[in-house]
């Protein structure tokens, strides 16, 4: 049985992006982990605080604060949403339609 692989589109200049540079390396690492988990869960860029807490990244609170300050993520009632997710990734509804 073939294994389906999921890919995250990542610009080769990711590390030099203005917002990533302003957020800092540690916050950028959390951002990347959040993007990967969102892609895995097909969550349209939304993650609960619990889902984020389970990521293998230590010291998340200050990193989340930096991501919020730079606008890379937005706070929601139960977690966070990755800004601009739909601009670079297929949404769950589109993926579902394609798989039918």
PDB file of N, CA and C in Angstrom:
ATOM      1  N   UNK A   1       0.845  -1.173   0.000  1.00  0.00           N
ATOM      2  CA  UNK A   1       0.000   0.000   0.000  1.00  0.00           C
ATOM      3  C   UNK A   1       0.895   1.244   0.000  1.00  0.00           C
ATOM      4  N   UNK A   2       0.570   2.179  -0.875  1.00  0.00           N
ATOM      5  CA  UNK A   2       1.345   3.412  -0.979  1.00  0.00           C
ATOM      6  C   UNK A   2       1.049   4.342   0.197  1.00  0.00           C
ATOM      7  N   UNK A   3       2.075   5.008   0.648  1.00  0.00           N
ATOM      8  CA  UNK A   3       1.935   5.979   1.730  1.00  0.00           C
ATOM      9  C   UNK A   3       1.718   7.358   1.105  1.00  0.00           C
ATOM     10  N   UNK A   4       0.671   8.050   1.556  1.00  0.00           N
ATOM     11  CA  UNK A   4       0.420   9.403   1.073  1.00  0.00           C
ATOM     12  C   UNK A   4       1.279  10.377   1.859  1.00  0.00           C
ATOM     13  N   UNK A   5       2.019  11.180   1.153  1.00  0.00           N
ATOM     14  CA  UNK A   5       2.887  12.165   1.796  1.00  0.00           C
ATOM     15  C   UNK A   5       2.221  13.525   1.709  1.00  0.00           C
ATOM     16  N   UNK A   6       2.376  14.298   2.748  1.00  0.00           N
ATOM     17  CA  UNK A   6       1.824  15.642   2.801  1.00  0.00           C
ATOM     18  C   UNK A   6       2.992  16.620   2.784  1.00  0.00           C
ATOM     19  N   UNK A   7       2.884  17.647   1.973  1.00  0.00           N
ATOM     20  CA  UNK A   7       3.967  18.605   1.842  1.00  0.00           C
ATOM     21  C   UNK A   7       3.502  20.004   2.226  1.00  0.00           C
ATOM     22  N   UNK A   8       4.399  20.756   2.804  1.00  0.00           N
ATOM     23  CA  UNK A   8       4.152  22.145   3.172  1.00  0.00           C
ATOM     24  C   UNK A   8       4.931  23.025   2.207  1.00  0.00           C
ATOM     25  N   UNK A   9       4.241  23.924   1.476  1.00  0.00           N
ATOM     26  CA  UNK A   9       5.000  24.814   0.597  1.00  0.00           C
ATOM     27  C   UNK A   9       5.817  25.801   1.439  1.00  0.00           C
ATOM     28  N   UNK A  10       7.095  25.829   1.191  1.00  0.00           N
ATOM     29  CA  UNK A  10       7.986  26.689   1.970  1.00  0.00           C
ATOM     30  C   UNK A  10       8.898  27.435   1.009  1.00  0.00           C
ATOM     31  N   UNK A  11       8.809  28.731   1.035  1.00  0.00           N
ATOM     32  CA  UNK A  11       9.635  29.569   0.178  1.00  0.00           C
ATOM     33  C   UNK A  11      11.096  29.402   0.585  1.00  0.00           C
ATOM     34  N   UNK A  12      11.986  29.344  -0.383  1.00  0.00           N
ATOM     35  CA  UNK A  12      13.406  29.174  -0.078  1.00  0.00           C
ATOM     36  C   UNK A  12      13.974  30.354   0.696  1.00  0.00           C
ATOM     37  N   UNK A  13      13.271  31.491   0.694  1.00  0.00           N
ATOM     38  CA  UNK A  13      13.709  32.659   1.444  1.00  0.00           C
ATOM     39  C   UNK A  13      12.976  32.792   2.777  1.00  0.00           C
ATOM     40  N   UNK A  14      12.400  31.710   3.259  1.00  0.00           N
ATOM     41  CA  UNK A  14      11.653  31.700   4.517  1.00  0.00           C
ATOM     42  C   UNK A  14      12.432  32.356   5.652  1.00  0.00           C
ATOM     43  N   UNK A  15      13.681  31.971   5.815  1.00  0.00           N
ATOM     44  CA  UNK A  15      14.487  32.479   6.935  1.00  0.00           C
ATOM     45  C   UNK A  15      14.803  33.968   6.820  1.00  0.00           C
ATOM     46  N   UNK A  16      14.731  34.506   5.606  1.00  0.00           N
ATOM     47  CA  UNK A  16      15.017  35.924   5.401  1.00  0.00           C
ATOM     48  C   UNK A  16      13.752  36.776   5.351  1.00  0.00           C
ATOM     49  N   UNK A  17      12.581  36.180   5.519  1.00  0.00           N
ATOM     50  CA  UNK A  17      11.331  36.935   5.489  1.00  0.00           C
ATOM     51  C   UNK A  17      11.309  37.974   6.603  1.00  0.00           C
ATOM     52  N   UNK A  18      10.799  39.161   6.302  1.00  0.00           N
ATOM     53  CA  UNK A  18      10.804  40.262   7.272  1.00  0.00           C
ATOM     54  C   UNK A  18      10.191  39.872   8.611  1.00  0.00           C
ATOM     55  N   UNK A  19       9.037  39.245   8.573  1.00  0.00           N
ATOM     56  CA  UNK A  19       8.355  38.903   9.824  1.00  0.00           C
ATOM     57  C   UNK A  19       9.109  37.827  10.608  1.00  0.00           C
ATOM     58  N   UNK A  20       9.674  36.864   9.905  1.00  0.00           N
ATOM     59  CA  UNK A  20      10.449  35.815  10.582  1.00  0.00           C
ATOM     60  C   UNK A  20      11.691  36.425  11.217  1.00  0.00           C
ATOM     61  N   UNK A  21      12.362  37.310  10.499  1.00  0.00           N
ATOM     62  CA  UNK A  21      13.556  37.974  11.045  1.00  0.00           C
ATOM     63  C   UNK A  21      13.197  38.772  12.290  1.00  0.00           C
ATOM     64  N   UNK A  22      12.093  39.532  12.233  1.00  0.00           N
ATOM     65  CA  UNK A  22      11.668  40.327  13.390  1.00  0.00           C
ATOM     66  C   UNK A  22      11.247  39.435  14.564  1.00  0.00           C
ATOM     67  N   UNK A  23      10.617  38.317  14.262  1.00  0.00           N
ATOM     68  CA  UNK A  23      10.176  37.405  15.329  1.00  0.00           C
ATOM     69  C   UNK A  23      11.367  36.734  16.002  1.00  0.00           C
ATOM     70  N   UNK A  24      12.391  36.436  15.240  1.00  0.00           N
ATOM     71  CA  UNK A  24      13.576  35.785  15.782  1.00  0.00           C
ATOM     72  C   UNK A  24      13.596  34.291  15.488  1.00  0.00           C
ATOM     73  N   UNK A  25      14.775  33.735  15.599  1.00  0.00           N
ATOM     74  CA  UNK A  25      14.999  32.333  15.249  1.00  0.00           C
ATOM     75  C   UNK A  25      14.131  31.378  16.068  1.00  0.00           C
ATOM     76  N   UNK A  26      14.056  31.593  17.365  1.00  0.00           N
ATOM     77  CA  UNK A  26      13.290  30.684  18.223  1.00  0.00           C
ATOM     78  C   UNK A  26      11.807  30.732  17.902  1.00  0.00           C
ATOM     79  N   UNK A  27      11.264  31.926  17.698  1.00  0.00           N
ATOM     80  CA  UNK A  27       9.854  32.053  17.337  1.00  0.00           C
ATOM     81  C   UNK A  27       9.615  31.478  15.939  1.00  0.00           C
ATOM     82  N   UNK A  28      10.567  31.662  15.049  1.00  0.00           N
ATOM     83  CA  UNK A  28      10.463  31.106  13.696  1.00  0.00           C
ATOM     84  C   UNK A  28      10.389  29.591  13.718  1.00  0.00           C
ATOM     85  N   UNK A  29      11.128  28.983  14.624  1.00  0.00           N
ATOM     86  CA  UNK A  29      11.099  27.527  14.754  1.00  0.00           C
ATOM     87  C   UNK A  29       9.711  27.059  15.214  1.00  0.00           C
ATOM     88  N   UNK A  30       9.111  27.764  16.160  1.00  0.00           N
ATOM     89  CA  UNK A  30       7.758  27.425  16.608  1.00  0.00           C
ATOM     90  C   UNK A  30       6.769  27.637  15.469  1.00  0.00           C
ATOM     91  N   UNK A  31       6.913  28.714  14.729  1.00  0.00           N
ATOM     92  CA  UNK A  31       6.036  28.986  13.589  1.00  0.00           C
ATOM     93  C   UNK A  31       6.088  27.842  12.583  1.00  0.00           C
ATOM     94  N   UNK A  32       7.276  27.384  12.256  1.00  0.00           N
ATOM     95  CA  UNK A  32       7.431  26.282  11.317  1.00  0.00           C
ATOM     96  C   UNK A  32       6.778  25.011  11.863  1.00  0.00           C
ATOM     97  N   UNK A  33       6.969  24.740  13.150  1.00  0.00           N
ATOM     98  CA  UNK A  33       6.341  23.564  13.769  1.00  0.00           C
ATOM     99  C   UNK A  33       4.824  23.677  13.722  1.00  0.00           C
ATOM    100  N   UNK A  34       4.299  24.887  13.950  1.00  0.00           N
ATOM    101  CA  UNK A  34       2.855  25.098  13.885  1.00  0.00           C
ATOM    102  C   UNK A  34       2.328  24.870  12.459  1.00  0.00           C
ATOM    103  N   UNK A  35       3.067  25.346  11.480  1.00  0.00           N
ATOM    104  CA  UNK A  35       2.661  25.143  10.083  1.00  0.00           C
ATOM    105  C   UNK A  35       2.629  23.656   9.738  1.00  0.00           C
ATOM    106  N   UNK A  36       3.648  22.943  10.152  1.00  0.00           N
ATOM    107  CA  UNK A  36       3.704  21.508   9.868  1.00  0.00           C
ATOM    108  C   UNK A  36       2.548  20.771  10.533  1.00  0.00           C
ATOM    109  N   UNK A  37       2.265  21.092  11.797  1.00  0.00           N
ATOM    110  CA  UNK A  37       1.176  20.411  12.499  1.00  0.00           C
ATOM    111  C   UNK A  37      -0.180  20.757  11.881  1.00  0.00           C
ATOM    112  N   UNK A  38      -0.365  22.017  11.500  1.00  0.00           N
ATOM    113  CA  UNK A  38      -1.616  22.409  10.867  1.00  0.00           C
ATOM    114  C   UNK A  38      -1.819  21.665   9.550  1.00  0.00           C
ATOM    115  N   UNK A  39      -0.762  21.532   8.791  1.00  0.00           N
ATOM    116  CA  UNK A  39      -0.840  20.796   7.527  1.00  0.00           C
ATOM    117  C   UNK A  39      -1.187  19.338   7.789  1.00  0.00           C
ATOM    118  N   UNK A  40      -0.562  18.761   8.791  1.00  0.00           N
ATOM    119  CA  UNK A  40      -0.809  17.368   9.150  1.00  0.00           C
ATOM    120  C   UNK A  40      -2.268  17.157   9.567  1.00  0.00           C
ATOM    121  N   UNK A  41      -2.814  18.098  10.326  1.00  0.00           N
ATOM    122  CA  UNK A  41      -4.177  17.984  10.831  1.00  0.00           C
ATOM    123  C   UNK A  41      -5.230  18.507   9.848  1.00  0.00           C
ATOM    124  N   UNK A  42      -4.791  19.090   8.748  1.00  0.00           N
ATOM    125  CA  UNK A  42      -5.683  19.716   7.765  1.00  0.00           C
ATOM    126  C   UNK A  42      -6.631  20.671   8.495  1.00  0.00           C
ATOM    127  N   UNK A  43      -6.033  21.600   9.249  1.00  0.00           N
ATOM    128  CA  UNK A  43      -6.810  22.482  10.127  1.00  0.00           C
ATOM    129  C   UNK A  43      -6.924  23.919   9.618  1.00  0.00           C
ATOM    130  N   UNK A  44      -6.580  24.143   8.365  1.00  0.00           N
ATOM    131  CA  UNK A  44      -6.672  25.481   7.769  1.00  0.00           C
ATOM    132  C   UNK A  44      -5.894  26.534   8.548  1.00  0.00           C
ATOM    133  N   UNK A  45      -4.794  26.142   9.133  1.00  0.00           N
ATOM    134  CA  UNK A  45      -3.940  27.081   9.851  1.00  0.00           C
ATOM    135  C   UNK A  45      -4.346  27.319  11.293  1.00  0.00           C
ATOM    136  N   UNK A  46      -5.408  26.674  11.761  1.00  0.00           N
ATOM    137  CA  UNK A  46      -5.890  26.854  13.129  1.00  0.00           C
ATOM    138  C   UNK A  46      -5.384  25.733  14.034  1.00  0.00           C
ATOM    139  N   UNK A  47      -4.871  26.115  15.187  1.00  0.00           N
ATOM    140  CA  UNK A  47      -4.417  25.143  16.185  1.00  0.00           C
ATOM    141  C   UNK A  47      -4.903  25.574  17.556  1.00  0.00           C
ATOM    142  N   UNK A  48      -5.337  24.609  18.351  1.00  0.00           N
ATOM    143  CA  UNK A  48      -5.738  24.919  19.715  1.00  0.00           C
ATOM    144  C   UNK A  48      -4.489  25.085  20.570  1.00  0.00           C
ATOM    145  N   UNK A  49      -4.672  25.682  21.717  1.00  0.00           N
ATOM    146  CA  UNK A  49      -3.535  25.827  22.637  1.00  0.00           C
ATOM    147  C   UNK A  49      -2.997  24.459  23.031  1.00  0.00           C
ATOM    148  N   UNK A  50      -3.884  23.480  23.196  1.00  0.00           N
ATOM    149  CA  UNK A  50      -3.446  22.131  23.552  1.00  0.00           C
ATOM    150  C   UNK A  50      -2.585  21.526  22.435  1.00  0.00           C
ATOM    151  N   UNK A  51      -3.021  21.681  21.189  1.00  0.00           N
ATOM    152  CA  UNK A  51      -2.243  21.150  20.067  1.00  0.00           C
ATOM    153  C   UNK A  51      -0.862  21.793  20.008  1.00  0.00           C
ATOM    154  N   UNK A  52      -0.802  23.082  20.253  1.00  0.00           N
ATOM    155  CA  UNK A  52       0.485  23.785  20.235  1.00  0.00           C
ATOM    156  C   UNK A  52       1.357  23.308  21.397  1.00  0.00           C
ATOM    157  N   UNK A  53       0.762  23.107  22.558  1.00  0.00           N
ATOM    158  CA  UNK A  53       1.540  22.679  23.729  1.00  0.00           C
ATOM    159  C   UNK A  53       2.199  21.313  23.518  1.00  0.00           C
ATOM    160  N   UNK A  54       1.657  20.521  22.615  1.00  0.00           N
ATOM    161  CA  UNK A  54       2.209  19.190  22.346  1.00  0.00           C
ATOM    162  C   UNK A  54       3.321  19.192  21.299  1.00  0.00           C
ATOM    163  N   UNK A  55       3.598  20.357  20.727  1.00  0.00           N
ATOM    164  CA  UNK A  55       4.693  20.440  19.761  1.00  0.00           C
ATOM    165  C   UNK A  55       6.030  20.320  20.489  1.00  0.00           C
ATOM    166  N   UNK A  56       7.032  19.726  19.839  1.00  0.00           N
ATOM    167  CA  UNK A  56       8.338  19.542  20.485  1.00  0.00           C
ATOM    168  C   UNK A  56       9.186  20.814  20.469  1.00  0.00           C
ATOM    169  N   UNK A  57       8.629  21.878  21.049  1.00  0.00           N
ATOM    170  CA  UNK A  57       9.321  23.174  21.105  1.00  0.00           C
ATOM    171  C   UNK A  57       9.198  23.690  22.531  1.00  0.00           C
ATOM    172  N   UNK A  58      10.312  23.939  23.165  1.00  0.00           N
ATOM    173  CA  UNK A  58      10.313  24.417  24.550  1.00  0.00           C
ATOM    174  C   UNK A  58      10.146  25.936  24.602  1.00  0.00           C
ATOM    175  N   UNK A  59       9.679  26.443  25.741  1.00  0.00           N
ATOM    176  CA  UNK A  59       9.564  27.883  25.956  1.00  0.00           C
ATOM    177  C   UNK A  59       8.622  28.552  24.973  1.00  0.00           C
ATOM    178  N   UNK A  60       7.426  28.028  24.850  1.00  0.00           N
ATOM    179  CA  UNK A  60       6.513  28.500  23.816  1.00  0.00           C
ATOM    180  C   UNK A  60       5.925  29.886  24.089  1.00  0.00           C
ATOM    181  N   UNK A  61       5.667  30.243  25.323  1.00  0.00           N
ATOM    182  CA  UNK A  61       4.971  31.506  25.625  1.00  0.00           C
ATOM    183  C   UNK A  61       5.656  32.732  25.004  1.00  0.00           C
ATOM    184  N   UNK A  62       6.954  32.936  25.225  1.00  0.00           N
ATOM    185  CA  UNK A  62       7.580  34.118  24.611  1.00  0.00           C
ATOM    186  C   UNK A  62       7.647  34.017  23.083  1.00  0.00           C
ATOM    187  N   UNK A  63       7.747  32.827  22.579  1.00  0.00           N
ATOM    188  CA  UNK A  63       7.777  32.642  21.127  1.00  0.00           C
ATOM    189  C   UNK A  63       6.423  32.981  20.514  1.00  0.00           C
ATOM    190  N   UNK A  64       5.347  32.547  21.166  1.00  0.00           N
ATOM    191  CA  UNK A  64       4.005  32.879  20.690  1.00  0.00           C
ATOM    192  C   UNK A  64       3.786  34.388  20.725  1.00  0.00           C
ATOM    193  N   UNK A  65       4.276  35.027  21.772  1.00  0.00           N
ATOM    194  CA  UNK A  65       4.145  36.479  21.890  1.00  0.00           C
ATOM    195  C   UNK A  65       4.831  37.174  20.715  1.00  0.00           C
ATOM    196  N   UNK A  66       5.999  36.710  20.337  1.00  0.00           N
ATOM    197  CA  UNK A  66       6.728  37.313  19.209  1.00  0.00           C
ATOM    198  C   UNK A  66       5.975  37.082  17.895  1.00  0.00           C
ATOM    199  N   UNK A  67       5.406  35.902  17.729  1.00  0.00           N
ATOM    200  CA  UNK A  67       4.644  35.610  16.516  1.00  0.00           C
ATOM    201  C   UNK A  67       3.400  36.492  16.430  1.00  0.00           C
ATOM    202  N   UNK A  68       2.768  36.729  17.568  1.00  0.00           N
ATOM    203  CA  UNK A  68       1.612  37.630  17.611  1.00  0.00           C
ATOM    204  C   UNK A  68       2.025  39.060  17.275  1.00  0.00           C
ATOM    205  N   UNK A  69       3.124  39.519  17.862  1.00  0.00           N
ATOM    206  CA  UNK A  69       3.611  40.882  17.635  1.00  0.00           C
ATOM    207  C   UNK A  69       3.917  41.146  16.167  1.00  0.00           C
ATOM    208  N   UNK A  70       4.429  40.160  15.488  1.00  0.00           N
ATOM    209  CA  UNK A  70       4.806  40.332  14.083  1.00  0.00           C
ATOM    210  C   UNK A  70       3.652  40.054  13.129  1.00  0.00           C
ATOM    211  N   UNK A  71       2.540  39.555  13.646  1.00  0.00           N
ATOM    212  CA  UNK A  71       1.379  39.274  12.804  1.00  0.00           C
ATOM    213  C   UNK A  71       1.435  37.952  12.068  1.00  0.00           C
ATOM    214  N   UNK A  72       2.388  37.102  12.436  1.00  0.00           N
ATOM    215  CA  UNK A  72       2.460  35.794  11.797  1.00  0.00           C
ATOM    216  C   UNK A  72       1.323  34.872  12.234  1.00  0.00           C
ATOM    217  N   UNK A  73       0.802  35.106  13.428  1.00  0.00           N
ATOM    218  CA  UNK A  73      -0.351  34.356  13.922  1.00  0.00           C
ATOM    219  C   UNK A  73      -1.345  35.341  14.535  1.00  0.00           C
ATOM    220  N   UNK A  74      -2.570  34.869  14.702  1.00  0.00           N
ATOM    221  CA  UNK A  74      -3.636  35.655  15.308  1.00  0.00           C
ATOM    222  C   UNK A  74      -4.253  34.811  16.415  1.00  0.00           C
ATOM    223  N   UNK A  75      -4.527  35.427  17.557  1.00  0.00           N
ATOM    224  CA  UNK A  75      -5.149  34.734  18.699  1.00  0.00           C
ATOM    225  C   UNK A  75      -6.622  34.504  18.405  1.00  0.00           C
ATOM    226  N   UNK A  76      -7.117  33.323  18.743  1.00  0.00           N
ATOM    227  CA  UNK A  76      -8.532  32.994  18.635  1.00  0.00           C
ATOM    228  C   UNK A  76      -9.036  32.599  20.015  1.00  0.00           C
ATOM    229  N   UNK A  77     -10.296  32.255  20.093  1.00  0.00           N
ATOM    230  CA  UNK A  77     -10.894  31.902  21.377  1.00  0.00           C
ATOM    231  C   UNK A  77     -10.214  30.691  22.016  1.00  0.00           C
ATOM    232  N   UNK A  78      -9.857  29.704  21.211  1.00  0.00           N
ATOM    233  CA  UNK A  78      -9.274  28.489  21.781  1.00  0.00           C
ATOM    234  C   UNK A  78      -7.845  28.203  21.337  1.00  0.00           C
ATOM    235  N   UNK A  79      -7.228  29.157  20.664  1.00  0.00           N
ATOM    236  CA  UNK A  79      -5.865  28.919  20.216  1.00  0.00           C
ATOM    237  C   UNK A  79      -5.372  30.030  19.310  1.00  0.00           C
ATOM    238  N   UNK A  80      -4.846  29.632  18.158  1.00  0.00           N
ATOM    239  CA  UNK A  80      -4.242  30.578  17.225  1.00  0.00           C
ATOM    240  C   UNK A  80      -4.512  30.149  15.792  1.00  0.00           C
ATOM    241  N   UNK A  81      -4.449  31.119  14.878  1.00  0.00           N
ATOM    242  CA  UNK A  81      -4.547  30.851  13.451  1.00  0.00           C
ATOM    243  C   UNK A  81      -3.311  31.443  12.791  1.00  0.00           C
ATOM    244  N   UNK A  82      -2.747  30.694  11.876  1.00  0.00           N
ATOM    245  CA  UNK A  82      -1.585  31.152  11.120  1.00  0.00           C
ATOM    246  C   UNK A  82      -2.083  32.126  10.051  1.00  0.00           C
ATOM    247  N   UNK A  83      -1.602  33.351  10.107  1.00  0.00           N
ATOM    248  CA  UNK A  83      -2.022  34.376   9.145  1.00  0.00           C
ATOM    249  C   UNK A  83      -1.607  33.978   7.730  1.00  0.00           C
ATOM    250  N   UNK A  84      -2.465  34.240   6.791  1.00  0.00           N
ATOM    251  CA  UNK A  84      -2.126  33.981   5.393  1.00  0.00           C
ATOM    252  C   UNK A  84      -2.117  32.518   5.001  1.00  0.00           C
ATOM    253  N   UNK A  85      -2.641  31.647   5.844  1.00  0.00           N
ATOM    254  CA  UNK A  85      -2.604  30.211   5.541  1.00  0.00           C
ATOM    255  C   UNK A  85      -3.237  29.906   4.183  1.00  0.00           C
ATOM    256  N   UNK A  86      -4.411  30.464   3.931  1.00  0.00           N
ATOM    257  CA  UNK A  86      -5.157  30.160   2.702  1.00  0.00           C
ATOM    258  C   UNK A  86      -4.456  30.681   1.449  1.00  0.00           C
ATOM    259  N   UNK A  87      -3.552  31.633   1.608  1.00  0.00           N
ATOM    260  CA  UNK A  87      -2.826  32.167   0.448  1.00  0.00           C
ATOM    261  C   UNK A  87      -1.812  31.177  -0.110  1.00  0.00           C
ATOM    262  N   UNK A  88      -1.354  30.255   0.724  1.00  0.00           N
ATOM    263  CA  UNK A  88      -0.280  29.357   0.306  1.00  0.00           C
ATOM    264  C   UNK A  88      -0.633  27.871   0.407  1.00  0.00           C
ATOM    265  N   UNK A  89      -1.808  27.569   0.972  1.00  0.00           N
ATOM    266  CA  UNK A  89      -2.187  26.177   1.205  1.00  0.00           C
ATOM    267  C   UNK A  89      -3.626  25.941   0.787  1.00  0.00           C
ATOM    268  N   UNK A  90      -3.901  24.728   0.345  1.00  0.00           N
ATOM    269  CA  UNK A  90      -5.278  24.360   0.034  1.00  0.00           C
ATOM    270  C   UNK A  90      -6.057  24.279   1.337  1.00  0.00           C
ATOM    271  N   UNK A  91      -7.309  24.700   1.285  1.00  0.00           N
ATOM    272  CA  UNK A  91      -8.163  24.615   2.465  1.00  0.00           C
ATOM    273  C   UNK A  91      -8.764  23.219   2.583  1.00  0.00           C
ATOM    274  N   UNK A  92      -9.169  22.875   3.795  1.00  0.00           N
ATOM    275  CA  UNK A  92      -9.695  21.547   4.081  1.00  0.00           C
ATOM    276  C   UNK A  92     -10.866  21.185   3.167  1.00  0.00           C
ATOM    277  N   UNK A  93     -11.749  22.138   2.916  1.00  0.00           N
ATOM    278  CA  UNK A  93     -12.912  21.877   2.061  1.00  0.00           C
ATOM    279  C   UNK A  93     -12.468  21.505   0.644  1.00  0.00           C
ATOM    280  N   UNK A  94     -11.447  22.174   0.132  1.00  0.00           N
ATOM    281  CA  UNK A  94     -10.941  21.873  -1.205  1.00  0.00           C
ATOM    282  C   UNK A  94     -10.269  20.500  -1.243  1.00  0.00           C
ATOM    283  N   UNK A  95      -9.546  20.179  -0.211  1.00  0.00           N
ATOM    284  CA  UNK A  95      -8.887  18.874  -0.134  1.00  0.00           C
ATOM    285  C   UNK A  95      -9.934  17.768  -0.088  1.00  0.00           C
ATOM    286  N   UNK A  96     -10.983  17.994   0.680  1.00  0.00           N
ATOM    287  CA  UNK A  96     -12.063  17.013   0.790  1.00  0.00           C
ATOM    288  C   UNK A  96     -12.740  16.789  -0.561  1.00  0.00           C
ATOM    289  N   UNK A  97     -13.016  17.877  -1.279  1.00  0.00           N
ATOM    290  CA  UNK A  97     -13.645  17.762  -2.602  1.00  0.00           C
ATOM    291  C   UNK A  97     -12.756  16.977  -3.556  1.00  0.00           C
ATOM    292  N   UNK A  98     -11.455  17.253  -3.514  1.00  0.00           N
ATOM    293  CA  UNK A  98     -10.522  16.579  -4.428  1.00  0.00           C
ATOM    294  C   UNK A  98     -10.416  15.085  -4.144  1.00  0.00           C
ATOM    295  N   UNK A  99     -10.586  14.719  -2.875  1.00  0.00           N
ATOM    296  CA  UNK A  99     -10.425  13.307  -2.505  1.00  0.00           C
ATOM    297  C   UNK A  99     -11.686  12.481  -2.779  1.00  0.00           C
ATOM    298  N   UNK A 100     -12.798  13.155  -3.064  1.00  0.00           N
ATOM    299  CA  UNK A 100     -14.062  12.433  -3.339  1.00  0.00           C
ATOM    300  C   UNK A 100     -14.046  11.780  -4.701  1.00  0.00           C
TER     301      UNK A 100
END
